[in-house]
C-alpha cells in the first residue's frame, strides 16, 4: 500500500500535470479556431508521449531518478497531463521486447474497448437520464 508521502508526491505531480494540460490545451485551441480536428487533445497526447519517451530513456539508461521522482514525474505529472503517454510507453515497451502480437492486441483492444466504453456510457445516460428538451 502506498504511504502518505507517496500519495502526496503523486497528487502534487498530478496537479501540476493537470494544470499544464489545461494551459497547453487552451493555447492550442486559441491558435486553431474553427478547426474540426481536436488539436488540443492531440497536442497534449503527442507531447506527453514524447516526454515519457525522454524520461523513460533517462531512467532506463542512466538511472537518473529515485523512486520518489519517478512517482512524481511518471505517475503524477504525466498521469495528470495525459494517460495516453503511459499507453504509448507500454505499447513500445512490448514492441521492444519482441512481443509484437501482444502489442498489437493491446493497442487494438485498448482503442476499441475505450471507444466502446465511451459510447456505452453515453448511451446508458441517454437511456436512463435523458436530456430535458
C-alpha atoms as a PDB file:
ATOM      1  CA  UNK A   1       0.000   0.000   0.000  1.00  0.00           C
ATOM      2  CA  UNK A   2       1.191   3.479  -0.794  1.00  0.00           C
ATOM      3  CA  UNK A   3       2.181   5.589   2.158  1.00  0.00           C
ATOM      4  CA  UNK A   4       1.102   9.158   2.727  1.00  0.00           C
ATOM      5  CA  UNK A   5       4.401  10.508   1.321  1.00  0.00           C
ATOM      6  CA  UNK A   6       3.904   8.665  -1.976  1.00  0.00           C
ATOM      7  CA  UNK A   7       0.288   9.803  -2.228  1.00  0.00           C
ATOM      8  CA  UNK A   8       1.305  13.436  -1.717  1.00  0.00           C
ATOM      9  CA  UNK A   9       4.053  13.101  -4.344  1.00  0.00           C
ATOM     10  CA  UNK A  10       1.598  11.671  -6.906  1.00  0.00           C
ATOM     11  CA  UNK A  11      -1.027  14.285  -6.017  1.00  0.00           C
ATOM     12  CA  UNK A  12       1.409  17.183  -6.434  1.00  0.00           C
ATOM     13  CA  UNK A  13       2.689  15.879  -9.748  1.00  0.00           C
ATOM     14  CA  UNK A  14      -0.878  15.237 -10.904  1.00  0.00           C
ATOM     15  CA  UNK A  15      -1.938  18.752 -10.003  1.00  0.00           C
ATOM     16  CA  UNK A  16       0.925  20.296 -11.982  1.00  0.00           C
ATOM     17  CA  UNK A  17       0.296  17.938 -14.917  1.00  0.00           C
ATOM     18  CA  UNK A  18      -3.399  18.757 -14.971  1.00  0.00           C
ATOM     19  CA  UNK A  19      -2.733  22.482 -14.970  1.00  0.00           C
ATOM     20  CA  UNK A  20      -0.156  22.033 -17.736  1.00  0.00           C
ATOM     21  CA  UNK A  21      -2.710  20.093 -19.790  1.00  0.00           C
ATOM     22  CA  UNK A  22      -5.309  22.835 -19.244  1.00  0.00           C
ATOM     23  CA  UNK A  23      -2.898  25.622 -20.236  1.00  0.00           C
ATOM     24  CA  UNK A  24      -1.457  23.819 -23.276  1.00  0.00           C
ATOM     25  CA  UNK A  25      -4.927  22.759 -24.410  1.00  0.00           C
ATOM     26  CA  UNK A  26      -6.187  26.312 -24.097  1.00  0.00           C
ATOM     27  CA  UNK A  27      -3.179  27.635 -26.020  1.00  0.00           C
ATOM     28  CA  UNK A  28      -3.780  25.122 -28.827  1.00  0.00           C
ATOM     29  CA  UNK A  29      -7.494  25.922 -29.002  1.00  0.00           C
ATOM     30  CA  UNK A  30      -6.813  29.662 -29.037  1.00  0.00           C
ATOM     31  CA  UNK A  31      -4.452  29.278 -32.001  1.00  0.00           C
ATOM     32  CA  UNK A  32      -6.661  26.924 -34.040  1.00  0.00           C
ATOM     33  CA  UNK A  33     -10.147  28.439 -34.019  1.00  0.00           C
ATOM     34  CA  UNK A  34     -12.572  26.785 -36.347  1.00  0.00           C
ATOM     35  CA  UNK A  35     -10.587  23.575 -36.733  1.00  0.00           C
ATOM     36  CA  UNK A  36     -12.644  20.371 -36.651  1.00  0.00           C
ATOM     37  CA  UNK A  37      -9.608  18.296 -35.646  1.00  0.00           C
ATOM     38  CA  UNK A  38      -9.194  18.019 -31.827  1.00  0.00           C
ATOM     39  CA  UNK A  39      -5.758  19.645 -31.926  1.00  0.00           C
ATOM     40  CA  UNK A  40      -5.762  20.359 -28.186  1.00  0.00           C
ATOM     41  CA  UNK A  41      -6.024  16.728 -27.098  1.00  0.00           C
ATOM     42  CA  UNK A  42      -3.801  15.568 -29.940  1.00  0.00           C
ATOM     43  CA  UNK A  43      -1.064  18.022 -28.937  1.00  0.00           C
ATOM     44  CA  UNK A  44      -1.206  17.035 -25.288  1.00  0.00           C
ATOM     45  CA  UNK A  45      -1.061  13.338 -26.160  1.00  0.00           C
ATOM     46  CA  UNK A  46       1.887  13.659 -28.536  1.00  0.00           C
ATOM     47  CA  UNK A  47       3.838  15.908 -26.152  1.00  0.00           C
ATOM     48  CA  UNK A  48       3.072  13.516 -23.291  1.00  0.00           C
ATOM     49  CA  UNK A  49       4.295  10.544 -25.340  1.00  0.00           C
ATOM     50  CA  UNK A  50       7.486  12.369 -26.324  1.00  0.00           C
ATOM     51  CA  UNK A  51       8.094  13.378 -22.697  1.00  0.00           C
ATOM     52  CA  UNK A  52       7.578   9.869 -21.344  1.00  0.00           C
ATOM     53  CA  UNK A  53       9.971   8.576 -24.015  1.00  0.00           C
ATOM     54  CA  UNK A  54      12.654  11.026 -22.923  1.00  0.00           C
ATOM     55  CA  UNK A  55      12.127  10.317 -19.235  1.00  0.00           C
ATOM     56  CA  UNK A  56      11.922   6.535 -19.702  1.00  0.00           C
ATOM     57  CA  UNK A  57      15.217   6.520 -21.628  1.00  0.00           C
ATOM     58  CA  UNK A  58      16.871   8.617 -18.937  1.00  0.00           C
ATOM     59  CA  UNK A  59      15.541   6.312 -16.225  1.00  0.00           C
ATOM     60  CA  UNK A  60      16.414   3.129 -18.116  1.00  0.00           C
ATOM     61  CA  UNK A  61      19.836   4.053 -19.478  1.00  0.00           C
ATOM     62  CA  UNK A  62      21.152   6.426 -16.837  1.00  0.00           C
ATOM     63  CA  UNK A  63      19.202   5.557 -13.653  1.00  0.00           C
ATOM     64  CA  UNK A  64      18.707   9.282 -13.002  1.00  0.00           C
ATOM     65  CA  UNK A  65      15.516   9.176 -10.972  1.00  0.00           C
ATOM     66  CA  UNK A  66      14.858   7.989  -7.463  1.00  0.00           C
ATOM     67  CA  UNK A  67      11.606   6.077  -6.853  1.00  0.00           C
ATOM     68  CA  UNK A  68      10.025   9.266  -5.477  1.00  0.00           C
ATOM     69  CA  UNK A  69      10.993  11.300  -8.556  1.00  0.00           C
ATOM     70  CA  UNK A  70       9.642   8.531 -10.799  1.00  0.00           C
ATOM     71  CA  UNK A  71       6.340   8.674  -8.914  1.00  0.00           C
ATOM     72  CA  UNK A  72       6.271  12.460  -9.260  1.00  0.00           C
ATOM     73  CA  UNK A  73       7.055  12.511 -12.977  1.00  0.00           C
ATOM     74  CA  UNK A  74       5.541   9.331 -14.422  1.00  0.00           C
ATOM     75  CA  UNK A  75       2.525   8.628 -12.242  1.00  0.00           C
ATOM     76  CA  UNK A  76       1.858  12.155 -11.007  1.00  0.00           C
ATOM     77  CA  UNK A  77       2.793  14.710 -13.655  1.00  0.00           C
ATOM     78  CA  UNK A  78       2.277  12.598 -16.778  1.00  0.00           C
ATOM     79  CA  UNK A  79      -0.759  10.891 -15.253  1.00  0.00           C
ATOM     80  CA  UNK A  80      -2.324  14.309 -14.739  1.00  0.00           C
ATOM     81  CA  UNK A  81      -1.117  15.547 -18.117  1.00  0.00           C
ATOM     82  CA  UNK A  82      -2.222  12.520 -20.169  1.00  0.00           C
ATOM     83  CA  UNK A  83      -2.551   8.804 -19.566  1.00  0.00           C
ATOM     84  CA  UNK A  84      -2.103   8.317 -23.308  1.00  0.00           C
ATOM     85  CA  UNK A  85       1.627   8.673 -22.690  1.00  0.00           C
ATOM     86  CA  UNK A  86       1.560   5.586 -20.443  1.00  0.00           C
ATOM     87  CA  UNK A  87      -0.376   3.712 -23.116  1.00  0.00           C
ATOM     88  CA  UNK A  88       2.196   4.715 -25.718  1.00  0.00           C
ATOM     89  CA  UNK A  89       5.115   3.726 -23.495  1.00  0.00           C
ATOM     90  CA  UNK A  90       3.614   0.356 -22.610  1.00  0.00           C
ATOM     91  CA  UNK A  91       2.933  -0.376 -26.286  1.00  0.00           C
ATOM     92  CA  UNK A  92       6.511   0.492 -27.292  1.00  0.00           C
ATOM     93  CA  UNK A  93       7.872  -1.496 -24.329  1.00  0.00           C
ATOM     94  CA  UNK A  94       6.045  -4.578 -25.611  1.00  0.00           C
ATOM     95  CA  UNK A  95       7.386  -3.976 -29.135  1.00  0.00           C
ATOM     96  CA  UNK A  96      10.956  -3.591 -27.852  1.00  0.00           C
ATOM     97  CA  UNK A  97      10.633  -6.930 -26.069  1.00  0.00           C
ATOM     98  CA  UNK A  98       9.611  -8.528 -29.367  1.00  0.00           C
ATOM     99  CA  UNK A  99       6.034  -9.128 -28.246  1.00  0.00           C
ATOM    100  CA  UNK A 100       4.526  -7.854 -31.498  1.00  0.00           C
ATOM    101  CA  UNK A 101       1.227  -9.709 -31.304  1.00  0.00           C
ATOM    102  CA  UNK A 102       0.750  -8.717 -27.658  1.00  0.00           C
ATOM    103  CA  UNK A 103       1.492  -5.073 -28.532  1.00  0.00           C
ATOM    104  CA  UNK A 104      -0.896  -5.118 -31.491  1.00  0.00           C
ATOM    105  CA  UNK A 105      -3.583  -6.767 -29.406  1.00  0.00           C
ATOM    106  CA  UNK A 106      -3.083  -4.265 -26.592  1.00  0.00           C
ATOM    107  CA  UNK A 107      -3.397  -1.310 -28.984  1.00  0.00           C
ATOM    108  CA  UNK A 108      -6.441  -2.682 -30.798  1.00  0.00           C
ATOM    109  CA  UNK A 109      -8.261  -3.828 -27.673  1.00  0.00           C
ATOM    110  CA  UNK A 110      -7.468  -0.584 -25.825  1.00  0.00           C
ATOM    111  CA  UNK A 111      -8.683   1.655 -28.644  1.00  0.00           C
ATOM    112  CA  UNK A 112     -11.818  -0.315 -29.483  1.00  0.00           C
ATOM    113  CA  UNK A 113     -12.774  -1.029 -25.863  1.00  0.00           C
ATOM    114  CA  UNK A 114     -12.063   2.580 -24.887  1.00  0.00           C
ATOM    115  CA  UNK A 115     -14.245   3.930 -27.677  1.00  0.00           C
ATOM    116  CA  UNK A 116     -16.884   1.314 -26.948  1.00  0.00           C
ATOM    117  CA  UNK A 117     -16.874   2.215 -23.258  1.00  0.00           C
ATOM    118  CA  UNK A 118     -17.340   5.914 -24.061  1.00  0.00           C
ATOM    119  CA  UNK A 119     -20.204   5.069 -26.404  1.00  0.00           C
ATOM    120  CA  UNK A 120     -21.785   2.726 -23.819  1.00  0.00           C
ATOM    121  CA  UNK A 121     -21.525   5.359 -21.096  1.00  0.00           C
ATOM    122  CA  UNK A 122     -23.195   7.969 -23.284  1.00  0.00           C
ATOM    123  CA  UNK A 123     -25.947   5.545 -24.292  1.00  0.00           C
ATOM    124  CA  UNK A 124     -26.531   4.497 -20.678  1.00  0.00           C
ATOM    125  CA  UNK A 125     -27.038   8.082 -19.551  1.00  0.00           C
ATOM    126  CA  UNK A 126     -29.216   8.817 -22.607  1.00  0.00           C
ATOM    127  CA  UNK A 127     -31.320   5.744 -21.753  1.00  0.00           C
ATOM    128  CA  UNK A 128     -31.716   6.253 -18.016  1.00  0.00           C
ATOM    129  CA  UNK A 129     -31.340  10.016 -17.681  1.00  0.00           C
ATOM    130  CA  UNK A 130     -32.447  11.615 -20.953  1.00  0.00           C
ATOM    131  CA  UNK A 131     -31.753  15.292 -21.551  1.00  0.00           C
ATOM    132  CA  UNK A 132     -34.505  17.803 -20.877  1.00  0.00           C
ATOM    133  CA  UNK A 133     -35.841  19.469 -24.009  1.00  0.00           C
END
